[in-house]
Amino acid sequence: MRTSEFRDALELAFGSVQGDSLARDLYLVRVDATAEEALAAGVPPAKVWDALMEETDADEKTRWIYRRPRRVES
């Protein structure tokens, strides 16, 4: 997972406003930081994503949302 994929998945899973708030404000025990802090410190985005999914009790569909193919609109 790349950082851009993390951000896309965050928006798909939670919407832009809530996703931004979660990334900025929610402390993730597993990475000992917020998502924004962890990413800035070089923690792999996949590890941050897993920590976020654990902390928010996300369902399986949400957990793997970044793996779904994106539709290309023409």
N, C-alpha and C. Protein backbone atom coordinates (compact mmCIF):
# COMPACT_ATOMS: atom_id res chain seq x y z
N MET A 1 0.85 -1.17 0.00
CA MET A 1 0.00 0.00 0.00
C MET A 1 0.89 1.24 0.00
N ARG A 2 0.56 2.15 -0.88
CA ARG A 2 1.25 3.45 -0.92
C ARG A 2 0.46 4.46 -0.10
N THR A 3 1.10 5.56 0.23
CA THR A 3 0.42 6.60 1.00
C THR A 3 -0.79 7.12 0.24
N SER A 4 -0.68 7.27 -1.07
CA SER A 4 -1.82 7.74 -1.87
C SER A 4 -2.97 6.74 -1.81
N GLU A 5 -2.66 5.44 -1.79
CA GLU A 5 -3.70 4.42 -1.67
C GLU A 5 -4.35 4.48 -0.28
N PHE A 6 -3.54 4.75 0.73
CA PHE A 6 -4.06 4.92 2.09
C PHE A 6 -5.08 6.05 2.12
N ARG A 7 -4.71 7.18 1.54
CA ARG A 7 -5.61 8.35 1.55
C ARG A 7 -6.88 8.09 0.75
N ASP A 8 -6.75 7.42 -0.40
CA ASP A 8 -7.93 7.07 -1.20
C ASP A 8 -8.85 6.14 -0.43
N ALA A 9 -8.27 5.12 0.21
CA ALA A 9 -9.06 4.15 0.98
C ALA A 9 -9.74 4.83 2.17
N LEU A 10 -9.04 5.74 2.80
CA LEU A 10 -9.59 6.48 3.94
C LEU A 10 -10.84 7.24 3.51
N GLU A 11 -10.77 7.90 2.37
CA GLU A 11 -11.92 8.65 1.87
C GLU A 11 -13.06 7.72 1.46
N LEU A 12 -12.74 6.61 0.80
CA LEU A 12 -13.78 5.65 0.42
C LEU A 12 -14.47 5.06 1.64
N ALA A 13 -13.69 4.74 2.65
CA ALA A 13 -14.23 4.07 3.83
C ALA A 13 -15.02 5.00 4.75
N PHE A 14 -14.55 6.23 4.91
CA PHE A 14 -15.13 7.11 5.92
C PHE A 14 -15.64 8.45 5.40
N GLY A 15 -15.40 8.74 4.14
CA GLY A 15 -15.74 10.06 3.61
C GLY A 15 -14.60 11.02 3.88
N SER A 16 -14.56 12.11 3.16
CA SER A 16 -13.40 13.00 3.27
C SER A 16 -13.30 13.70 4.63
N VAL A 17 -14.40 14.17 5.17
CA VAL A 17 -14.35 14.91 6.43
C VAL A 17 -14.02 13.99 7.60
N GLN A 18 -14.77 12.89 7.73
CA GLN A 18 -14.51 11.98 8.84
C GLN A 18 -13.15 11.30 8.68
N GLY A 19 -12.80 10.94 7.46
CA GLY A 19 -11.50 10.32 7.22
C GLY A 19 -10.35 11.22 7.63
N ASP A 20 -10.42 12.49 7.23
CA ASP A 20 -9.38 13.45 7.62
C ASP A 20 -9.31 13.59 9.14
N SER A 21 -10.47 13.64 9.78
CA SER A 21 -10.52 13.77 11.23
C SER A 21 -9.91 12.55 11.92
N LEU A 22 -10.24 11.37 11.45
CA LEU A 22 -9.68 10.15 12.03
C LEU A 22 -8.17 10.12 11.87
N ALA A 23 -7.68 10.45 10.69
CA ALA A 23 -6.24 10.43 10.43
C ALA A 23 -5.49 11.43 11.31
N ARG A 24 -6.11 12.54 11.57
CA ARG A 24 -5.48 13.63 12.31
C ARG A 24 -5.61 13.46 13.83
N ASP A 25 -6.75 12.93 14.29
CA ASP A 25 -7.08 12.99 15.72
C ASP A 25 -7.11 11.66 16.47
N LEU A 26 -7.36 10.56 15.79
CA LEU A 26 -7.52 9.28 16.49
C LEU A 26 -6.16 8.66 16.81
N TYR A 27 -5.90 8.45 18.09
CA TYR A 27 -4.66 7.81 18.51
C TYR A 27 -4.75 6.31 18.24
N LEU A 28 -3.76 5.79 17.53
CA LEU A 28 -3.72 4.37 17.18
C LEU A 28 -2.70 3.67 18.06
N VAL A 29 -3.17 2.85 18.97
CA VAL A 29 -2.31 2.19 19.95
C VAL A 29 -1.22 1.38 19.26
N ARG A 30 -1.59 0.67 18.23
CA ARG A 30 -0.65 -0.23 17.55
C ARG A 30 0.58 0.48 16.98
N VAL A 31 0.42 1.74 16.58
CA VAL A 31 1.56 2.48 16.02
C VAL A 31 2.00 3.62 16.95
N ASP A 32 1.36 3.73 18.09
CA ASP A 32 1.72 4.72 19.12
C ASP A 32 1.71 6.15 18.58
N ALA A 33 0.69 6.44 17.75
CA ALA A 33 0.58 7.77 17.13
C ALA A 33 -0.75 7.87 16.41
N THR A 34 -1.06 9.06 15.92
CA THR A 34 -2.19 9.19 15.00
C THR A 34 -1.73 8.68 13.63
N ALA A 35 -2.65 8.47 12.72
CA ALA A 35 -2.27 8.02 11.38
C ALA A 35 -1.35 9.03 10.71
N GLU A 36 -1.68 10.31 10.82
CA GLU A 36 -0.85 11.36 10.21
C GLU A 36 0.57 11.34 10.79
N GLU A 37 0.67 11.24 12.10
CA GLU A 37 1.98 11.21 12.75
C GLU A 37 2.78 9.98 12.34
N ALA A 38 2.10 8.84 12.30
CA ALA A 38 2.77 7.59 11.94
C ALA A 38 3.29 7.63 10.51
N LEU A 39 2.46 8.10 9.58
CA LEU A 39 2.89 8.20 8.19
C LEU A 39 4.07 9.16 8.06
N ALA A 40 4.01 10.29 8.75
CA ALA A 40 5.10 11.28 8.71
C ALA A 40 6.39 10.71 9.29
N ALA A 41 6.26 9.77 10.23
CA ALA A 41 7.43 9.16 10.86
C ALA A 41 7.98 7.98 10.05
N GLY A 42 7.31 7.66 8.94
CA GLY A 42 7.81 6.59 8.08
C GLY A 42 7.22 5.21 8.33
N VAL A 43 6.19 5.12 9.15
CA VAL A 43 5.52 3.84 9.36
C VAL A 43 4.85 3.45 8.04
N PRO A 44 4.99 2.20 7.60
CA PRO A 44 4.38 1.78 6.34
C PRO A 44 2.86 2.01 6.35
N PRO A 45 2.33 2.57 5.27
CA PRO A 45 0.89 2.84 5.21
C PRO A 45 0.01 1.62 5.50
N ALA A 46 0.43 0.44 5.08
CA ALA A 46 -0.38 -0.76 5.35
C ALA A 46 -0.47 -1.03 6.85
N LYS A 47 0.60 -0.79 7.59
CA LYS A 47 0.58 -0.98 9.04
C LYS A 47 -0.33 0.05 9.70
N VAL A 48 -0.28 1.29 9.20
CA VAL A 48 -1.14 2.34 9.73
C VAL A 48 -2.60 2.01 9.43
N TRP A 49 -2.87 1.53 8.21
CA TRP A 49 -4.23 1.16 7.82
C TRP A 49 -4.76 0.05 8.73
N ASP A 50 -3.95 -0.98 8.96
CA ASP A 50 -4.37 -2.08 9.83
C ASP A 50 -4.68 -1.57 11.24
N ALA A 51 -3.85 -0.67 11.74
CA ALA A 51 -4.08 -0.10 13.08
C ALA A 51 -5.37 0.70 13.11
N LEU A 52 -5.62 1.46 12.06
CA LEU A 52 -6.86 2.26 11.97
C LEU A 52 -8.08 1.35 11.91
N MET A 53 -7.99 0.28 11.14
CA MET A 53 -9.11 -0.65 11.02
C MET A 53 -9.39 -1.33 12.36
N GLU A 54 -8.34 -1.67 13.07
CA GLU A 54 -8.50 -2.28 14.39
C GLU A 54 -9.14 -1.30 15.38
N GLU A 55 -8.65 -0.09 15.38
CA GLU A 55 -9.13 0.92 16.34
C GLU A 55 -10.58 1.33 16.08
N THR A 56 -11.01 1.28 14.83
CA THR A 56 -12.38 1.68 14.48
C THR A 56 -13.33 0.48 14.40
N ASP A 57 -12.84 -0.71 14.71
CA ASP A 57 -13.66 -1.93 14.63
C ASP A 57 -14.31 -2.08 13.26
N ALA A 58 -13.53 -1.80 12.22
CA ALA A 58 -14.05 -1.85 10.85
C ALA A 58 -14.40 -3.28 10.45
N ASP A 59 -15.43 -3.40 9.62
CA ASP A 59 -15.81 -4.72 9.12
C ASP A 59 -14.84 -5.13 8.00
N GLU A 60 -14.95 -6.38 7.57
CA GLU A 60 -14.04 -6.92 6.55
C GLU A 60 -14.12 -6.15 5.23
N LYS A 61 -15.31 -5.74 4.84
CA LYS A 61 -15.48 -4.99 3.59
C LYS A 61 -14.68 -3.69 3.63
N THR A 62 -14.76 -3.00 4.74
CA THR A 62 -14.02 -1.75 4.89
C THR A 62 -12.52 -2.01 4.99
N ARG A 63 -12.14 -3.04 5.71
CA ARG A 63 -10.72 -3.37 5.90
C ARG A 63 -10.00 -3.57 4.57
N TRP A 64 -10.68 -4.17 3.61
CA TRP A 64 -10.04 -4.49 2.32
C TRP A 64 -10.48 -3.57 1.19
N ILE A 65 -11.07 -2.44 1.50
CA ILE A 65 -11.60 -1.53 0.48
C ILE A 65 -10.53 -1.07 -0.51
N TYR A 66 -9.31 -0.96 -0.06
CA TYR A 66 -8.24 -0.49 -0.95
C TYR A 66 -7.84 -1.54 -1.98
N ARG A 67 -8.26 -2.77 -1.81
CA ARG A 67 -7.94 -3.84 -2.76
C ARG A 67 -8.94 -3.95 -3.89
N ARG A 68 -10.08 -3.30 -3.75
CA ARG A 68 -11.10 -3.38 -4.80
C ARG A 68 -10.67 -2.56 -6.00
N PRO A 69 -10.96 -3.08 -7.20
CA PRO A 69 -10.61 -2.30 -8.39
C PRO A 69 -11.44 -1.02 -8.45
N ARG A 70 -10.80 0.04 -8.90
CA ARG A 70 -11.49 1.33 -9.03
C ARG A 70 -12.12 1.41 -10.40
N ARG A 71 -13.30 1.96 -10.47
CA ARG A 71 -13.98 2.15 -11.74
C ARG A 71 -13.42 3.38 -12.43
N VAL A 72 -13.23 3.25 -13.71
CA VAL A 72 -12.77 4.39 -14.50
C VAL A 72 -13.97 4.96 -15.21
N GLU A 73 -14.24 6.23 -14.94
CA GLU A 73 -15.39 6.88 -15.57
C GLU A 73 -14.93 7.52 -16.86
N SER A 74 -15.76 7.37 -17.89
CA SER A 74 -15.40 7.98 -19.17
C SER A 74 -16.28 9.14 -19.51
